[in-house]
Amino acid sequence: MAEKKKKELTQDDIMKLEIAKEIGLIEKLEELGWGGLTAKETGRIGGLMTAKKKKRKKQNGS
């Protein structure tokens, strides 16, 4: 049986996990994985990621 290699987390992966924790989805995520979230939940995470990236970019003056 082949073992699944764990990929290294990217900055986006880390941000997704932080946001999931902030909005109370981390337990569901750990139990069911990303596929267990609804489209509404994943959309909310994506929207918050975009907002954070825009804010970060604005703060850095770019």
Protein backbone atom coordinates (compact mmCIF):
# COMPACT_ATOMS: atom_id res chain seq x y z
CA MET A 1 0.00 0.00 0.00
CA ALA A 2 1.50 3.33 -1.07
CA GLU A 3 1.73 6.08 1.48
CA LYS A 4 0.32 9.45 0.59
CA LYS A 5 3.02 12.11 0.56
CA LYS A 6 2.21 15.19 2.56
CA LYS A 7 2.74 18.28 0.48
CA GLU A 8 4.27 21.34 2.03
CA LEU A 9 1.77 24.01 2.94
CA THR A 10 1.85 27.14 0.82
CA GLN A 11 1.12 30.62 2.18
CA ASP A 12 -2.39 30.29 0.69
CA ASP A 13 -2.92 26.94 2.42
CA ILE A 14 -1.90 28.45 5.74
CA MET A 15 -4.22 31.43 5.19
CA LYS A 16 -7.13 29.09 4.32
CA LEU A 17 -6.62 27.17 7.54
CA GLU A 18 -6.40 30.38 9.60
CA ILE A 19 -9.63 31.68 8.09
CA ALA A 20 -11.40 28.34 8.60
CA LYS A 21 -10.39 28.54 12.25
CA GLU A 22 -11.56 32.17 12.55
CA ILE A 23 -15.01 31.41 11.18
CA GLY A 24 -15.47 28.21 13.16
CA LEU A 25 -15.05 25.62 10.40
CA ILE A 26 -11.78 24.05 11.50
CA GLU A 27 -13.43 21.12 13.31
CA LYS A 28 -15.59 20.29 10.30
CA LEU A 29 -12.57 20.63 8.04
CA GLU A 30 -10.45 18.29 10.17
CA GLU A 31 -13.26 15.74 10.28
CA LEU A 32 -14.44 15.82 6.66
CA GLY A 33 -11.65 17.50 4.72
CA TRP A 34 -12.07 20.28 2.17
CA GLY A 35 -14.59 18.20 0.22
CA GLY A 36 -16.89 18.11 3.23
CA LEU A 37 -17.46 21.86 3.21
CA THR A 38 -20.41 23.37 1.36
CA ALA A 39 -19.95 25.68 -1.62
CA LYS A 40 -21.12 28.54 0.58
CA GLU A 41 -18.47 27.77 3.20
CA THR A 42 -15.63 27.44 0.70
CA GLY A 43 -16.81 30.60 -1.06
CA ARG A 44 -16.73 32.47 2.21
CA ILE A 45 -13.16 31.30 2.86
CA GLY A 46 -12.17 32.35 -0.66
CA GLY A 47 -13.79 35.75 -0.27
CA LEU A 48 -12.05 36.40 3.03
CA MET A 49 -8.73 35.29 1.52
CA THR A 50 -9.16 37.78 -1.32
CA ALA A 51 -10.01 40.57 1.11
CA LYS A 52 -6.97 39.79 3.27
CA LYS A 53 -4.68 39.70 0.23
CA LYS A 54 -6.02 43.06 -1.01
CA LYS A 55 -5.58 44.60 2.42
CA ARG A 56 -2.04 43.22 2.71
CA LYS A 57 -1.15 44.50 -0.74
CA LYS A 58 -2.55 47.95 0.07
CA GLN A 59 -0.58 48.09 3.36
CA ASN A 60 2.63 47.21 1.53
CA GLY A 61 2.03 50.11 -0.84
CA SER A 62 1.94 48.01 -3.99
